[in-house]
Amino acid sequence: MSSKPTKRGRKRQPKPKAGLLGLAFDNDDGHKRITSGEQFLLVGGSQEKHEFMTETVLKTFEELKRRAKRLETVEPTELAEILHKSTPR
């Protein structure tokens, strides 16, 4: 992806991109489960594990929104804390 020049001839910095990827390998029923969103992709797992990953990711993005943060700018330690907090018990 190339950056477009500004009016002064300088190139703009590309916007930071970030995404979450969830993979699970505990599937033994033959179903292929894929759930994707604007900034996440979840692949595989049993129905229970896939639902667990989906709920965790959705709660994570809700918490980021509540904190007025974006995935591409949140610090890794804060993201880890949010993910832990968002994990269903």
Protein backbone atom coordinates (compact mmCIF):
# COMPACT_ATOMS: atom_id res chain seq x y z
CA MET A 1 0.00 0.00 0.00
CA SER A 2 1.53 3.30 -1.03
CA SER A 3 1.11 6.54 0.86
CA LYS A 4 -0.42 9.51 -0.92
CA PRO A 5 1.59 12.72 -1.05
CA THR A 6 0.21 15.70 0.86
CA LYS A 7 -0.08 19.17 -0.66
CA ARG A 8 3.49 19.92 0.42
CA GLY A 9 4.82 16.86 -1.39
CA ARG A 10 5.51 14.77 1.73
CA LYS A 11 4.09 11.28 1.98
CA ARG A 12 1.51 10.61 4.68
CA GLN A 13 2.32 7.97 7.23
CA PRO A 14 0.07 4.94 6.78
CA LYS A 15 -2.47 4.45 9.55
CA PRO A 16 -1.44 1.78 12.03
CA LYS A 17 -3.24 -1.53 11.56
CA ALA A 18 -3.94 -4.15 14.18
CA GLY A 19 -6.05 -7.26 14.51
CA LEU A 20 -6.70 -10.17 16.82
CA LEU A 21 -6.34 -13.76 15.63
CA GLY A 22 -7.85 -16.65 17.55
CA LEU A 23 -7.04 -20.26 16.70
CA ALA A 24 -8.39 -23.39 18.39
CA PHE A 25 -7.60 -26.99 17.60
CA ASP A 26 -9.98 -28.95 19.84
CA ASN A 27 -12.52 -29.68 17.09
CA ASP A 28 -13.40 -33.33 16.55
CA ASP A 29 -16.89 -32.95 15.03
CA GLY A 30 -15.75 -32.06 11.49
CA HIS A 31 -17.29 -28.57 11.41
CA LYS A 32 -15.22 -25.68 10.07
CA ARG A 33 -15.86 -22.63 12.23
CA ILE A 34 -14.77 -19.18 11.09
CA THR A 35 -15.89 -15.89 12.59
CA SER A 36 -14.50 -12.59 11.39
CA GLY A 37 -14.98 -8.93 12.08
CA GLU A 38 -13.33 -5.68 11.11
CA GLN A 39 -10.31 -6.31 13.34
CA PHE A 40 -10.47 -9.98 14.25
CA LEU A 41 -10.49 -13.49 12.81
CA LEU A 42 -11.38 -16.61 14.79
CA VAL A 43 -10.77 -20.04 13.25
CA GLY A 44 -11.46 -23.56 14.42
CA GLY A 45 -12.33 -25.12 17.70
CA SER A 46 -15.26 -27.03 19.07
CA GLN A 47 -18.57 -25.19 19.21
CA GLU A 48 -17.94 -24.42 22.89
CA LYS A 49 -14.38 -23.15 22.34
CA HIS A 50 -15.37 -21.07 19.30
CA GLU A 51 -18.20 -19.43 21.27
CA PHE A 52 -15.71 -18.78 24.11
CA MET A 53 -13.30 -17.03 21.71
CA THR A 54 -16.13 -15.02 20.11
CA GLU A 55 -17.46 -13.82 23.46
CA THR A 56 -13.95 -12.87 24.62
CA VAL A 57 -13.21 -10.83 21.48
CA LEU A 58 -16.57 -9.03 21.52
CA LYS A 59 -16.20 -8.12 25.20
CA THR A 60 -12.63 -6.94 24.50
CA PHE A 61 -13.79 -4.54 21.81
CA GLU A 62 -16.63 -3.31 24.05
CA GLU A 63 -14.11 -2.58 26.81
CA LEU A 64 -11.77 -0.79 24.39
CA LYS A 65 -14.70 1.36 23.27
CA ARG A 66 -15.67 2.09 26.90
CA ARG A 67 -12.08 3.21 27.56
CA ALA A 68 -12.05 5.27 24.33
CA LYS A 69 -9.06 3.25 23.05
CA ARG A 70 -8.30 1.69 19.69
CA LEU A 71 -6.72 -1.70 19.14
CA GLU A 72 -3.87 -0.24 17.11
CA THR A 73 -2.90 2.24 19.83
CA VAL A 74 -3.54 0.39 23.10
CA GLU A 75 -0.42 -0.75 24.95
CA PRO A 76 0.18 -4.53 24.90
CA THR A 77 0.06 -4.80 28.70
CA GLU A 78 -3.28 -2.97 28.82
CA LEU A 79 -4.64 -5.16 26.01
CA ALA A 80 -3.57 -8.28 27.92
CA GLU A 81 -5.38 -6.99 31.02
CA ILE A 82 -8.52 -6.26 28.97
CA LEU A 83 -8.43 -9.70 27.33
CA HIS A 84 -8.05 -11.35 30.74
CA LYS A 85 -10.94 -9.31 32.13
CA SER A 86 -13.08 -10.13 29.06
CA THR A 87 -12.53 -13.89 29.27
CA PRO A 88 -15.75 -15.70 30.29
CA ARG A 89 -15.40 -17.58 33.54
